[in-house]
């Protein structure tokens, strides 16, 4: 049996070696875990898109060739006066009005609003103005439809209407 007692410095070296072994073992385990983590596959999917609003425009025409937006009364399409001028008793005149969807989305039409003013459309036996129903008509982009404006005078139209005048304003409305 040895009675040799290690020197104080040797004991300290053994502790350092044990600590170093523990530290190296921890690094090795951590490194393997890190290697497993970095070995996992990753992937991305990116998507992008532009966005824009649809265009919506209802146009009108009386000849089917010249189209106008006519968005208010000041830019209204003028029906030639010869179409409805010189009305006589018991007469009915019809003018074909054309509508076109110039937008990029469907246009759902509503019935036209017809407003009349002037002596021809006033009094006890006035002339009348009506427009065919277009309610429920859906126009695809570029599609057209027609509606007739009909102006009629009574068969017994009194003499006091001679020379009188009047105006008709027709407003078509559509919704997208």
C-alpha atoms as a PDB file:
ATOM      1  CA  UNK A   1       0.000   0.000   0.000  1.00  0.00           C
ATOM      2  CA  UNK A   2       1.238   3.345  -0.927  1.00  0.00           C
ATOM      3  CA  UNK A   3       1.206   6.080   1.505  1.00  0.00           C
ATOM      4  CA  UNK A   4       1.827   8.614  -1.096  1.00  0.00           C
ATOM      5  CA  UNK A   5      -0.500  11.609  -0.907  1.00  0.00           C
ATOM      6  CA  UNK A   6      -0.914  13.537  -4.140  1.00  0.00           C
ATOM      7  CA  UNK A   7       0.214  17.048  -4.061  1.00  0.00           C
ATOM      8  CA  UNK A   8      -2.340  19.777  -3.863  1.00  0.00           C
ATOM      9  CA  UNK A   9      -1.609  20.808  -7.480  1.00  0.00           C
ATOM     10  CA  UNK A  10      -2.335  17.329  -8.879  1.00  0.00           C
ATOM     11  CA  UNK A  11      -5.792  17.248  -7.280  1.00  0.00           C
ATOM     12  CA  UNK A  12      -6.567  20.560  -8.842  1.00  0.00           C
ATOM     13  CA  UNK A  13      -5.473  19.253 -12.264  1.00  0.00           C
ATOM     14  CA  UNK A  14      -7.801  16.238 -11.915  1.00  0.00           C
ATOM     15  CA  UNK A  15     -10.737  18.537 -11.195  1.00  0.00           C
ATOM     16  CA  UNK A  16      -9.911  20.655 -14.215  1.00  0.00           C
ATOM     17  CA  UNK A  17      -9.711  17.583 -16.425  1.00  0.00           C
ATOM     18  CA  UNK A  18     -13.079  16.342 -15.156  1.00  0.00           C
ATOM     19  CA  UNK A  19     -14.625  19.773 -15.760  1.00  0.00           C
ATOM     20  CA  UNK A  20     -13.129  19.890 -19.243  1.00  0.00           C
ATOM     21  CA  UNK A  21     -14.506  16.410 -20.025  1.00  0.00           C
ATOM     22  CA  UNK A  22     -17.977  17.478 -18.869  1.00  0.00           C
ATOM     23  CA  UNK A  23     -17.779  20.665 -20.941  1.00  0.00           C
ATOM     24  CA  UNK A  24     -16.643  18.724 -24.033  1.00  0.00           C
ATOM     25  CA  UNK A  25     -19.458  16.199 -23.545  1.00  0.00           C
ATOM     26  CA  UNK A  26     -22.008  19.033 -23.282  1.00  0.00           C
ATOM     27  CA  UNK A  27     -20.622  20.647 -26.429  1.00  0.00           C
ATOM     28  CA  UNK A  28     -20.745  17.340 -28.272  1.00  0.00           C
ATOM     29  CA  UNK A  29     -24.376  16.730 -27.298  1.00  0.00           C
ATOM     30  CA  UNK A  30     -25.314  20.325 -28.150  1.00  0.00           C
ATOM     31  CA  UNK A  31     -23.475  20.078 -31.455  1.00  0.00           C
ATOM     32  CA  UNK A  32     -25.334  16.905 -32.427  1.00  0.00           C
ATOM     33  CA  UNK A  33     -28.644  18.611 -31.546  1.00  0.00           C
ATOM     34  CA  UNK A  34     -27.645  21.627 -33.596  1.00  0.00           C
ATOM     35  CA  UNK A  35     -26.642  19.392 -36.482  1.00  0.00           C
ATOM     36  CA  UNK A  36     -30.041  17.683 -36.349  1.00  0.00           C
ATOM     37  CA  UNK A  37     -31.770  21.064 -36.313  1.00  0.00           C
ATOM     38  CA  UNK A  38     -29.795  22.470 -39.219  1.00  0.00           C
ATOM     39  CA  UNK A  39     -30.292  19.288 -41.207  1.00  0.00           C
ATOM     40  CA  UNK A  40     -34.092  19.861 -41.329  1.00  0.00           C
ATOM     41  CA  UNK A  41     -35.404  21.006 -44.738  1.00  0.00           C
ATOM     42  CA  UNK A  42     -37.190  24.301 -45.121  1.00  0.00           C
ATOM     43  CA  UNK A  43     -39.150  25.701 -48.022  1.00  0.00           C
ATOM     44  CA  UNK A  44     -41.134  28.861 -48.736  1.00  0.00           C
ATOM     45  CA  UNK A  45     -44.000  29.671 -51.069  1.00  0.00           C
ATOM     46  CA  UNK A  46     -44.580  33.313 -51.947  1.00  0.00           C
ATOM     47  CA  UNK A  47     -47.604  34.678 -53.758  1.00  0.00           C
ATOM     48  CA  UNK A  48     -48.326  38.127 -55.074  1.00  0.00           C
ATOM     49  CA  UNK A  49     -50.982  39.794 -57.144  1.00  0.00           C
ATOM     50  CA  UNK A  50     -51.945  43.164 -58.466  1.00  0.00           C
ATOM     51  CA  UNK A  51     -55.468  44.454 -57.910  1.00  0.00           C
ATOM     52  CA  UNK A  52     -57.643  46.920 -59.749  1.00  0.00           C
ATOM     53  CA  UNK A  53     -61.251  47.999 -59.690  1.00  0.00           C
ATOM     54  CA  UNK A  54     -63.625  47.110 -62.501  1.00  0.00           C
ATOM     55  CA  UNK A  55     -64.873  49.846 -64.809  1.00  0.00           C
ATOM     56  CA  UNK A  56     -68.583  50.558 -64.974  1.00  0.00           C
ATOM     57  CA  UNK A  57     -70.119  52.653 -67.742  1.00  0.00           C
ATOM     58  CA  UNK A  58     -73.543  52.619 -69.363  1.00  0.00           C
ATOM     59  CA  UNK A  59     -73.671  54.382 -72.734  1.00  0.00           C
ATOM     60  CA  UNK A  60     -76.567  55.389 -74.949  1.00  0.00           C
ATOM     61  CA  UNK A  61     -77.188  55.954 -78.640  1.00  0.00           C
ATOM     62  CA  UNK A  62     -80.023  56.839 -80.995  1.00  0.00           C
ATOM     63  CA  UNK A  63     -78.320  55.502 -84.127  1.00  0.00           C
ATOM     64  CA  UNK A  64     -76.335  52.491 -82.841  1.00  0.00           C
ATOM     65  CA  UNK A  65     -73.079  53.969 -84.132  1.00  0.00           C
ATOM     66  CA  UNK A  66     -72.406  57.039 -82.020  1.00  0.00           C
ATOM     67  CA  UNK A  67     -72.249  56.152 -78.330  1.00  0.00           C
ATOM     68  CA  UNK A  68     -72.157  58.639 -75.476  1.00  0.00           C
ATOM     69  CA  UNK A  69     -71.776  58.417 -71.695  1.00  0.00           C
ATOM     70  CA  UNK A  70     -74.360  61.179 -71.157  1.00  0.00           C
ATOM     71  CA  UNK A  71     -73.918  61.001 -67.372  1.00  0.00           C
ATOM     72  CA  UNK A  72     -76.202  63.956 -66.625  1.00  0.00           C
ATOM     73  CA  UNK A  73     -78.878  66.118 -68.237  1.00  0.00           C
ATOM     74  CA  UNK A  74     -76.321  68.660 -69.491  1.00  0.00           C
ATOM     75  CA  UNK A  75     -74.659  65.939 -71.619  1.00  0.00           C
ATOM     76  CA  UNK A  76     -77.890  64.140 -72.581  1.00  0.00           C
ATOM     77  CA  UNK A  77     -78.138  62.483 -75.985  1.00  0.00           C
ATOM     78  CA  UNK A  78     -80.401  64.615 -78.162  1.00  0.00           C
ATOM     79  CA  UNK A  79     -83.154  62.840 -80.079  1.00  0.00           C
ATOM     80  CA  UNK A  80     -83.602  64.559 -83.426  1.00  0.00           C
ATOM     81  CA  UNK A  81     -86.555  66.951 -83.253  1.00  0.00           C
ATOM     82  CA  UNK A  82     -87.987  65.510 -86.483  1.00  0.00           C
ATOM     83  CA  UNK A  83     -88.655  62.243 -84.628  1.00  0.00           C
ATOM     84  CA  UNK A  84     -91.217  63.863 -82.319  1.00  0.00           C
ATOM     85  CA  UNK A  85     -92.040  67.192 -83.981  1.00  0.00           C
ATOM     86  CA  UNK A  86     -95.351  68.236 -85.566  1.00  0.00           C
ATOM     87  CA  UNK A  87     -97.520  65.827 -83.565  1.00  0.00           C
ATOM     88  CA  UNK A  88    -101.188  65.576 -84.603  1.00  0.00           C
ATOM     89  CA  UNK A  89    -104.262  64.075 -82.869  1.00  0.00           C
ATOM     90  CA  UNK A  90    -104.353  60.276 -82.609  1.00  0.00           C
ATOM     91  CA  UNK A  91    -100.695  59.825 -83.511  1.00  0.00           C
ATOM     92  CA  UNK A  92     -98.158  57.435 -82.013  1.00  0.00           C
ATOM     93  CA  UNK A  93     -94.448  57.793 -82.697  1.00  0.00           C
ATOM     94  CA  UNK A  94     -91.740  55.412 -81.573  1.00  0.00           C
ATOM     95  CA  UNK A  95     -88.015  56.077 -81.273  1.00  0.00           C
ATOM     96  CA  UNK A  96     -85.601  53.220 -80.611  1.00  0.00           C
ATOM     97  CA  UNK A  97     -83.150  54.044 -77.825  1.00  0.00           C
ATOM     98  CA  UNK A  98     -80.028  51.922 -77.501  1.00  0.00           C
ATOM     99  CA  UNK A  99     -77.996  51.090 -74.424  1.00  0.00           C
ATOM    100  CA  UNK A 100     -74.525  49.538 -74.238  1.00  0.00           C
ATOM    101  CA  UNK A 101     -72.443  48.274 -71.350  1.00  0.00           C
ATOM    102  CA  UNK A 102     -69.050  49.908 -71.958  1.00  0.00           C
ATOM    103  CA  UNK A 103     -67.647  48.699 -68.626  1.00  0.00           C
ATOM    104  CA  UNK A 104     -65.786  45.571 -67.598  1.00  0.00           C
ATOM    105  CA  UNK A 105     -68.459  44.115 -65.307  1.00  0.00           C
ATOM    106  CA  UNK A 106     -72.142  43.202 -65.745  1.00  0.00           C
ATOM    107  CA  UNK A 107     -74.708  46.019 -65.753  1.00  0.00           C
ATOM    108  CA  UNK A 108     -78.130  45.305 -64.211  1.00  0.00           C
ATOM    109  CA  UNK A 109     -80.664  47.687 -65.751  1.00  0.00           C
ATOM    110  CA  UNK A 110     -83.583  49.296 -63.969  1.00  0.00           C
ATOM    111  CA  UNK A 111     -86.631  50.842 -65.611  1.00  0.00           C
ATOM    112  CA  UNK A 112     -86.083  54.258 -67.131  1.00  0.00           C
ATOM    113  CA  UNK A 113     -87.402  57.377 -65.480  1.00  0.00           C
ATOM    114  CA  UNK A 114     -89.395  59.539 -67.892  1.00  0.00           C
ATOM    115  CA  UNK A 115     -90.008  63.199 -67.040  1.00  0.00           C
ATOM    116  CA  UNK A 116     -92.105  65.483 -69.229  1.00  0.00           C
ATOM    117  CA  UNK A 117     -92.537  69.247 -69.090  1.00  0.00           C
ATOM    118  CA  UNK A 118     -94.361  71.825 -71.200  1.00  0.00           C
ATOM    119  CA  UNK A 119     -97.890  72.402 -72.471  1.00  0.00           C
ATOM    120  CA  UNK A 120     -97.934  69.359 -74.810  1.00  0.00           C
ATOM    121  CA  UNK A 121     -97.668  67.096 -71.755  1.00  0.00           C
ATOM    122  CA  UNK A 122     -99.950  69.148 -69.461  1.00  0.00           C
ATOM    123  CA  UNK A 123    -103.669  69.830 -69.179  1.00  0.00           C
ATOM    124  CA  UNK A 124    -106.695  67.537 -69.355  1.00  0.00           C
ATOM    125  CA  UNK A 125    -105.784  65.591 -72.535  1.00  0.00           C
ATOM    126  CA  UNK A 126    -101.995  65.703 -72.839  1.00  0.00           C
ATOM    127  CA  UNK A 127     -99.645  63.750 -75.050  1.00  0.00           C
ATOM    128  CA  UNK A 128     -97.955  60.887 -73.213  1.00  0.00           C
ATOM    129  CA  UNK A 129     -94.402  59.553 -73.244  1.00  0.00           C
ATOM    130  CA  UNK A 130     -93.427  56.050 -72.146  1.00  0.00           C
ATOM    131  CA  UNK A 131     -90.308  53.871 -72.388  1.00  0.00           C
ATOM    132  CA  UNK A 132     -90.314  50.071 -72.624  1.00  0.00           C
ATOM    133  CA  UNK A 133     -89.338  48.241 -69.468  1.00  0.00           C
ATOM    134  CA  UNK A 134     -85.725  47.101 -69.276  1.00  0.00           C
ATOM    135  CA  UNK A 135     -85.821  46.189 -65.577  1.00  0.00           C
ATOM    136  CA  UNK A 136     -84.027  42.945 -64.869  1.00  0.00           C
ATOM    137  CA  UNK A 137     -82.000  43.052 -68.085  1.00  0.00           C
ATOM    138  CA  UNK A 138     -78.362  42.191 -67.408  1.00  0.00           C
ATOM    139  CA  UNK A 139     -75.846  43.426 -69.963  1.00  0.00           C
ATOM    140  CA  UNK A 140     -72.476  41.694 -70.087  1.00  0.00           C
ATOM    141  CA  UNK A 141     -69.486  43.902 -70.963  1.00  0.00           C
ATOM    142  CA  UNK A 142     -69.867  45.092 -74.576  1.00  0.00           C
ATOM    143  CA  UNK A 143     -73.479  43.907 -74.842  1.00  0.00           C
ATOM    144  CA  UNK A 144     -76.307  46.155 -76.095  1.00  0.00           C
ATOM    145  CA  UNK A 145     -80.082  46.302 -75.774  1.00  0.00           C
ATOM    146  CA  UNK A 146     -82.872  48.591 -76.946  1.00  0.00           C
ATOM    147  CA  UNK A 147     -85.893  50.261 -75.409  1.00  0.00           C
ATOM    148  CA  UNK A 148     -88.571  52.107 -77.352  1.00  0.00           C
ATOM    149  CA  UNK A 149     -89.691  55.610 -76.446  1.00  0.00           C
ATOM    150  CA  UNK A 150     -93.340  55.945 -77.464  1.00  0.00           C
ATOM    151  CA  UNK A 151     -95.068  59.324 -77.646  1.00  0.00           C
ATOM    152  CA  UNK A 152     -98.832  59.305 -78.217  1.00  0.00           C
ATOM    153  CA  UNK A 153    -101.486  61.970 -78.600  1.00  0.00           C
ATOM    154  CA  UNK A 154    -105.199  61.477 -77.880  1.00  0.00           C
ATOM    155  CA  UNK A 155    -107.534  60.919 -80.851  1.00  0.00           C
ATOM    156  CA  UNK A 156    -109.666  63.832 -79.619  1.00  0.00           C
ATOM    157  CA  UNK A 157    -106.762  66.164 -78.892  1.00  0.00           C
ATOM    158  CA  UNK A 158    -108.256  69.638 -78.364  1.00  0.00           C
ATOM    159  CA  UNK A 159    -107.326  72.581 -80.592  1.00  0.00           C
ATOM    160  CA  UNK A 160    -105.697  74.432 -77.679  1.00  0.00           C
ATOM    161  CA  UNK A 161    -102.667  72.073 -77.960  1.00  0.00           C
ATOM    162  CA  UNK A 162    -101.836  73.380 -81.448  1.00  0.00           C
ATOM    163  CA  UNK A 163     -98.367  74.953 -81.494  1.00  0.00           C
ATOM    164  CA  UNK A 164     -97.596  73.917 -77.903  1.00  0.00           C
ATOM    165  CA  UNK A 165     -94.199  72.527 -76.996  1.00  0.00           C
ATOM    166  CA  UNK A 166     -92.782  70.196 -74.427  1.00  0.00           C
ATOM    167  CA  UNK A 167     -89.661  68.328 -73.389  1.00  0.00           C
ATOM    168  CA  UNK A 168     -88.927  64.741 -72.459  1.00  0.00           C
ATOM    169  CA  UNK A 169     -86.028  63.670 -70.233  1.00  0.00           C
ATOM    170  CA  UNK A 170     -85.295  59.953 -70.032  1.00  0.00           C
ATOM    171  CA  UNK A 171     -82.875  58.558 -67.471  1.00  0.00           C
ATOM    172  CA  UNK A 172     -81.646  54.971 -67.628  1.00  0.00           C
ATOM    173  CA  UNK A 173     -79.961  53.561 -64.545  1.00  0.00           C
ATOM    174  CA  UNK A 174     -77.789  50.481 -64.167  1.00  0.00           C
ATOM    175  CA  UNK A 175     -76.084  48.860 -61.218  1.00  0.00           C
ATOM    176  CA  UNK A 176     -73.059  46.581 -61.106  1.00  0.00           C
END
